Amino acid sequence: MVSVTLKRDSQDRVNGFRCLGHAGYAKNGSDIVCSAISALTHTAISALEKLAGLKLKIRHNKKHGLLECSWVNDSMRVERAEFIIQVMILGLTDIQEEYPGFIKVIPS
């Protein structure tokens, strides 16, 4: 199962997320749940960099199914970052509803 957790700063604003685990829906290379999760999280990362203008700290470990993304919020970019993350969470929650037991979205 993949768990997705949001990280928040001291002002309760989202400043990162963490995905951990493997969906286990199908064999490596044909797991549609994993592919959907990857597409959403990687698109969010791209949007955070290119549309929100954030400098991201990214850590990943393919073997463990780890993807961590974090940033420092500033008043000029926090609204865009929140919107991008909410879109990502909306998509991930839809996947969770369609494929229960393979992904868990954990709001912080």
N, C-alpha and C. Protein backbone atom coordinates (compact mmCIF):
# COMPACT_ATOMS: atom_id res chain seq x y z
N MET A 1 0.84 -1.18 0.00
CA MET A 1 0.00 0.00 0.00
C MET A 1 0.89 1.25 0.00
N VAL A 2 0.43 2.27 -0.70
CA VAL A 2 1.11 3.56 -0.71
C VAL A 2 0.41 4.47 0.28
N SER A 3 1.18 5.09 1.15
CA SER A 3 0.61 6.10 2.04
C SER A 3 1.14 7.47 1.60
N VAL A 4 0.23 8.42 1.53
CA VAL A 4 0.58 9.79 1.14
C VAL A 4 0.23 10.70 2.31
N THR A 5 1.23 11.40 2.82
CA THR A 5 1.06 12.27 3.98
C THR A 5 1.50 13.68 3.62
N LEU A 6 0.69 14.66 4.01
CA LEU A 6 1.06 16.05 3.83
C LEU A 6 1.89 16.53 5.01
N LYS A 7 2.83 17.43 4.74
CA LYS A 7 3.62 18.06 5.79
C LYS A 7 3.17 19.51 5.90
N ARG A 8 3.23 20.04 7.10
CA ARG A 8 2.80 21.43 7.33
C ARG A 8 3.85 22.20 8.12
N ASP A 9 3.89 23.51 7.88
CA ASP A 9 4.82 24.35 8.62
C ASP A 9 4.19 24.83 9.93
N SER A 10 4.88 25.67 10.65
CA SER A 10 4.40 26.13 11.97
C SER A 10 3.13 26.98 11.87
N GLN A 11 2.81 27.46 10.67
CA GLN A 11 1.58 28.24 10.47
C GLN A 11 0.48 27.39 9.83
N ASP A 12 0.65 26.08 9.88
CA ASP A 12 -0.31 25.10 9.37
C ASP A 12 -0.52 25.18 7.87
N ARG A 13 0.48 25.66 7.14
CA ARG A 13 0.42 25.70 5.68
C ARG A 13 1.18 24.50 5.13
N VAL A 14 0.65 23.90 4.09
CA VAL A 14 1.32 22.74 3.48
C VAL A 14 2.69 23.17 2.98
N ASN A 15 3.71 22.39 3.34
CA ASN A 15 5.06 22.68 2.85
C ASN A 15 5.78 21.40 2.43
N GLY A 16 4.98 20.39 2.07
CA GLY A 16 5.59 19.17 1.56
C GLY A 16 4.63 18.00 1.62
N PHE A 17 5.09 16.91 1.02
CA PHE A 17 4.33 15.66 1.08
C PHE A 17 5.30 14.50 1.01
N ARG A 18 4.79 13.36 1.46
CA ARG A 18 5.60 12.14 1.47
C ARG A 18 4.75 10.98 0.97
N CYS A 19 5.26 10.25 -0.01
CA CYS A 19 4.64 9.02 -0.49
C CYS A 19 5.56 7.89 -0.10
N LEU A 20 4.99 6.84 0.46
CA LEU A 20 5.81 5.71 0.88
C LEU A 20 5.08 4.41 0.61
N GLY A 21 5.79 3.48 -0.01
CA GLY A 21 5.26 2.15 -0.23
C GLY A 21 5.00 1.87 -1.68
N HIS A 22 4.56 0.65 -1.93
CA HIS A 22 4.21 0.20 -3.27
C HIS A 22 2.75 -0.20 -3.26
N ALA A 23 2.04 0.14 -4.31
CA ALA A 23 0.61 -0.15 -4.36
C ALA A 23 0.33 -1.65 -4.30
N GLY A 24 1.06 -2.44 -5.06
CA GLY A 24 0.84 -3.88 -5.06
C GLY A 24 -0.41 -4.31 -5.80
N TYR A 25 -0.92 -3.47 -6.66
CA TYR A 25 -2.11 -3.82 -7.44
C TYR A 25 -1.79 -4.83 -8.53
N ALA A 26 -0.62 -4.69 -9.12
CA ALA A 26 -0.19 -5.60 -10.19
C ALA A 26 1.33 -5.68 -10.17
N LYS A 27 1.89 -6.50 -11.08
CA LYS A 27 3.34 -6.64 -11.17
C LYS A 27 3.99 -5.31 -11.51
N ASN A 28 5.26 -5.19 -11.12
CA ASN A 28 6.06 -4.03 -11.49
C ASN A 28 5.99 -3.81 -12.98
N GLY A 29 5.76 -2.58 -13.38
CA GLY A 29 5.69 -2.26 -14.80
C GLY A 29 4.28 -2.28 -15.37
N SER A 30 3.33 -2.88 -14.65
CA SER A 30 1.95 -2.89 -15.14
C SER A 30 0.96 -2.54 -14.03
N ASP A 31 1.44 -1.89 -12.99
CA ASP A 31 0.60 -1.48 -11.85
C ASP A 31 -0.02 -0.12 -12.15
N ILE A 32 -1.31 -0.13 -12.53
CA ILE A 32 -1.97 1.12 -12.91
C ILE A 32 -2.18 2.06 -11.72
N VAL A 33 -2.31 1.52 -10.53
CA VAL A 33 -2.47 2.37 -9.35
C VAL A 33 -1.17 3.13 -9.09
N CYS A 34 -0.07 2.42 -9.14
CA CYS A 34 1.24 3.05 -8.95
C CYS A 34 1.49 4.10 -10.03
N SER A 35 1.15 3.78 -11.25
CA SER A 35 1.34 4.73 -12.36
C SER A 35 0.52 5.99 -12.15
N ALA A 36 -0.70 5.84 -11.72
CA ALA A 36 -1.56 7.01 -11.49
C ALA A 36 -1.02 7.88 -10.36
N ILE A 37 -0.57 7.24 -9.29
CA ILE A 37 0.01 7.98 -8.16
C ILE A 37 1.26 8.73 -8.63
N SER A 38 2.11 8.06 -9.37
CA SER A 38 3.33 8.68 -9.88
C SER A 38 3.02 9.86 -10.79
N ALA A 39 2.04 9.70 -11.66
CA ALA A 39 1.68 10.79 -12.58
C ALA A 39 1.22 12.02 -11.81
N LEU A 40 0.39 11.82 -10.81
CA LEU A 40 -0.11 12.95 -10.02
C LEU A 40 0.99 13.62 -9.20
N THR A 41 1.80 12.83 -8.53
CA THR A 41 2.83 13.42 -7.68
C THR A 41 3.92 14.11 -8.50
N HIS A 42 4.31 13.52 -9.62
CA HIS A 42 5.34 14.14 -10.46
C HIS A 42 4.82 15.38 -11.16
N THR A 43 3.54 15.39 -11.54
CA THR A 43 2.95 16.59 -12.13
C THR A 43 2.89 17.70 -11.08
N ALA A 44 2.54 17.35 -9.85
CA ALA A 44 2.52 18.35 -8.77
C ALA A 44 3.91 18.94 -8.56
N ILE A 45 4.92 18.11 -8.56
CA ILE A 45 6.30 18.59 -8.38
C ILE A 45 6.66 19.55 -9.51
N SER A 46 6.34 19.18 -10.71
CA SER A 46 6.63 20.05 -11.86
C SER A 46 5.90 21.39 -11.73
N ALA A 47 4.63 21.35 -11.35
CA ALA A 47 3.85 22.57 -11.19
C ALA A 47 4.37 23.44 -10.04
N LEU A 48 4.78 22.81 -8.95
CA LEU A 48 5.33 23.57 -7.83
C LEU A 48 6.59 24.33 -8.26
N GLU A 49 7.40 23.69 -9.08
CA GLU A 49 8.63 24.34 -9.56
C GLU A 49 8.32 25.39 -10.63
N LYS A 50 7.57 24.99 -11.65
CA LYS A 50 7.40 25.84 -12.83
C LYS A 50 6.28 26.87 -12.71
N LEU A 51 5.22 26.55 -12.00
CA LEU A 51 4.10 27.49 -11.89
C LEU A 51 4.13 28.30 -10.59
N ALA A 52 4.56 27.65 -9.50
CA ALA A 52 4.62 28.36 -8.22
C ALA A 52 5.99 28.98 -7.99
N GLY A 53 6.99 28.53 -8.73
CA GLY A 53 8.32 29.09 -8.60
C GLY A 53 9.05 28.69 -7.32
N LEU A 54 8.72 27.53 -6.79
CA LEU A 54 9.34 27.08 -5.54
C LEU A 54 10.63 26.31 -5.81
N LYS A 55 11.55 26.42 -4.88
CA LYS A 55 12.76 25.60 -4.90
C LYS A 55 12.46 24.41 -4.00
N LEU A 56 12.46 23.25 -4.60
CA LEU A 56 12.05 22.04 -3.88
C LEU A 56 13.25 21.23 -3.42
N LYS A 57 13.04 20.57 -2.30
CA LYS A 57 13.98 19.56 -1.83
C LYS A 57 13.28 18.22 -2.05
N ILE A 58 13.89 17.38 -2.87
CA ILE A 58 13.26 16.11 -3.22
C ILE A 58 14.17 14.96 -2.83
N ARG A 59 13.57 13.96 -2.24
CA ARG A 59 14.28 12.75 -1.85
C ARG A 59 13.47 11.56 -2.35
N HIS A 60 14.15 10.59 -2.93
CA HIS A 60 13.42 9.41 -3.40
C HIS A 60 14.27 8.16 -3.26
N ASN A 61 13.59 7.06 -3.10
CA ASN A 61 14.22 5.76 -3.01
C ASN A 61 13.25 4.77 -3.68
N LYS A 62 13.58 4.39 -4.90
CA LYS A 62 12.69 3.54 -5.70
C LYS A 62 12.42 2.20 -5.02
N LYS A 63 13.45 1.62 -4.42
CA LYS A 63 13.31 0.31 -3.79
C LYS A 63 12.24 0.32 -2.70
N HIS A 64 12.22 1.39 -1.89
CA HIS A 64 11.26 1.49 -0.79
C HIS A 64 9.98 2.22 -1.19
N GLY A 65 9.93 2.70 -2.41
CA GLY A 65 8.74 3.43 -2.84
C GLY A 65 8.61 4.77 -2.14
N LEU A 66 9.73 5.43 -1.93
CA LEU A 66 9.72 6.70 -1.20
C LEU A 66 9.87 7.88 -2.15
N LEU A 67 9.00 8.87 -1.98
CA LEU A 67 9.13 10.15 -2.64
C LEU A 67 8.76 11.22 -1.63
N GLU A 68 9.72 12.05 -1.29
CA GLU A 68 9.48 13.17 -0.37
C GLU A 68 9.76 14.47 -1.10
N CYS A 69 8.90 15.43 -0.91
CA CYS A 69 9.06 16.73 -1.53
C CYS A 69 8.74 17.77 -0.46
N SER A 70 9.63 18.75 -0.30
CA SER A 70 9.38 19.81 0.68
C SER A 70 9.90 21.13 0.15
N TRP A 71 9.42 22.21 0.74
CA TRP A 71 9.81 23.55 0.35
C TRP A 71 9.58 24.51 1.51
N VAL A 72 10.16 25.69 1.37
CA VAL A 72 9.95 26.75 2.36
C VAL A 72 8.88 27.67 1.80
N ASN A 73 7.83 27.89 2.56
CA ASN A 73 6.75 28.76 2.12
C ASN A 73 7.16 30.23 2.22
N ASP A 74 6.69 31.00 1.27
CA ASP A 74 6.79 32.45 1.39
C ASP A 74 5.45 33.03 0.95
N SER A 75 5.15 34.22 1.38
CA SER A 75 3.83 34.81 1.17
C SER A 75 3.47 34.97 -0.30
N MET A 76 4.47 35.07 -1.17
CA MET A 76 4.21 35.28 -2.60
C MET A 76 3.78 33.98 -3.30
N ARG A 77 4.13 32.84 -2.73
CA ARG A 77 3.92 31.58 -3.44
C ARG A 77 3.01 30.58 -2.71
N VAL A 78 2.69 30.87 -1.48
CA VAL A 78 1.97 29.89 -0.66
C VAL A 78 0.59 29.56 -1.23
N GLU A 79 -0.10 30.53 -1.79
CA GLU A 79 -1.44 30.29 -2.32
C GLU A 79 -1.39 29.35 -3.54
N ARG A 80 -0.43 29.56 -4.42
CA ARG A 80 -0.28 28.68 -5.58
C ARG A 80 0.09 27.26 -5.15
N ALA A 81 1.00 27.18 -4.19
CA ALA A 81 1.42 25.86 -3.71
C ALA A 81 0.24 25.10 -3.11
N GLU A 82 -0.55 25.77 -2.30
CA GLU A 82 -1.73 25.14 -1.68
C GLU A 82 -2.69 24.62 -2.75
N PHE A 83 -2.92 25.44 -3.76
CA PHE A 83 -3.84 25.04 -4.84
C PHE A 83 -3.33 23.79 -5.57
N ILE A 84 -2.05 23.80 -5.91
CA ILE A 84 -1.45 22.66 -6.61
C ILE A 84 -1.56 21.39 -5.77
N ILE A 85 -1.26 21.50 -4.50
CA ILE A 85 -1.32 20.33 -3.62
C ILE A 85 -2.76 19.85 -3.44
N GLN A 86 -3.70 20.77 -3.36
CA GLN A 86 -5.10 20.36 -3.23
C GLN A 86 -5.57 19.61 -4.47
N VAL A 87 -5.12 20.02 -5.65
CA VAL A 87 -5.45 19.30 -6.88
C VAL A 87 -4.85 17.89 -6.83
N MET A 88 -3.59 17.79 -6.40
CA MET A 88 -2.94 16.48 -6.28
C MET A 88 -3.72 15.59 -5.31
N ILE A 89 -4.09 16.13 -4.16
CA ILE A 89 -4.82 15.36 -3.14
C ILE A 89 -6.19 14.93 -3.67
N LEU A 90 -6.85 15.80 -4.41
CA LEU A 90 -8.14 15.46 -5.01
C LEU A 90 -7.99 14.22 -5.90
N GLY A 91 -6.98 14.21 -6.75
CA GLY A 91 -6.75 13.07 -7.63
C GLY A 91 -6.39 11.81 -6.86
N LEU A 92 -5.53 11.96 -5.85
CA LEU A 92 -5.13 10.80 -5.04
C LEU A 92 -6.31 10.23 -4.25
N THR A 93 -7.16 11.11 -3.76
CA THR A 93 -8.34 10.66 -3.01
C THR A 93 -9.30 9.91 -3.93
N ASP A 94 -9.43 10.38 -5.16
CA ASP A 94 -10.26 9.66 -6.13
C ASP A 94 -9.71 8.26 -6.38
N ILE A 95 -8.40 8.14 -6.49
CA ILE A 95 -7.77 6.83 -6.67
C ILE A 95 -8.03 5.96 -5.44
N GLN A 96 -7.93 6.54 -4.26
CA GLN A 96 -8.18 5.80 -3.01
C GLN A 96 -9.60 5.25 -2.98
N GLU A 97 -10.56 6.04 -3.44
CA GLU A 97 -11.96 5.60 -3.45
C GLU A 97 -12.17 4.47 -4.47
N GLU A 98 -11.49 4.57 -5.60
CA GLU A 98 -11.64 3.57 -6.66
C GLU A 98 -10.88 2.28 -6.36
N TYR A 99 -9.75 2.40 -5.68
CA TYR A 99 -8.88 1.25 -5.39
C TYR A 99 -8.54 1.20 -3.90
N PRO A 100 -9.54 0.98 -3.05
CA PRO A 100 -9.26 0.94 -1.61
C PRO A 100 -8.31 -0.21 -1.29
N GLY A 101 -7.45 0.03 -0.34
CA GLY A 101 -6.49 -1.00 0.05
C GLY A 101 -5.15 -0.90 -0.66
N PHE A 102 -5.07 0.00 -1.65
CA PHE A 102 -3.81 0.15 -2.39
C PHE A 102 -3.16 1.51 -2.16
N ILE A 103 -3.93 2.48 -1.70
CA ILE A 103 -3.42 3.81 -1.38
C ILE A 103 -4.21 4.38 -0.22
N LYS A 104 -3.50 5.09 0.65
CA LYS A 104 -4.15 5.76 1.78
C LYS A 104 -3.62 7.19 1.82
N VAL A 105 -4.55 8.15 1.68
CA VAL A 105 -4.20 9.55 1.78
C VAL A 105 -4.42 9.97 3.23
N ILE A 106 -3.35 10.45 3.86
CA ILE A 106 -3.40 10.80 5.28
C ILE A 106 -3.26 12.31 5.41
N PRO A 107 -4.37 13.01 5.64
CA PRO A 107 -4.25 14.46 5.83
C PRO A 107 -3.54 14.74 7.16
N SER A 108 -2.70 15.74 7.16
CA SER A 108 -1.99 16.05 8.41
C SER A 108 -2.72 17.10 9.20
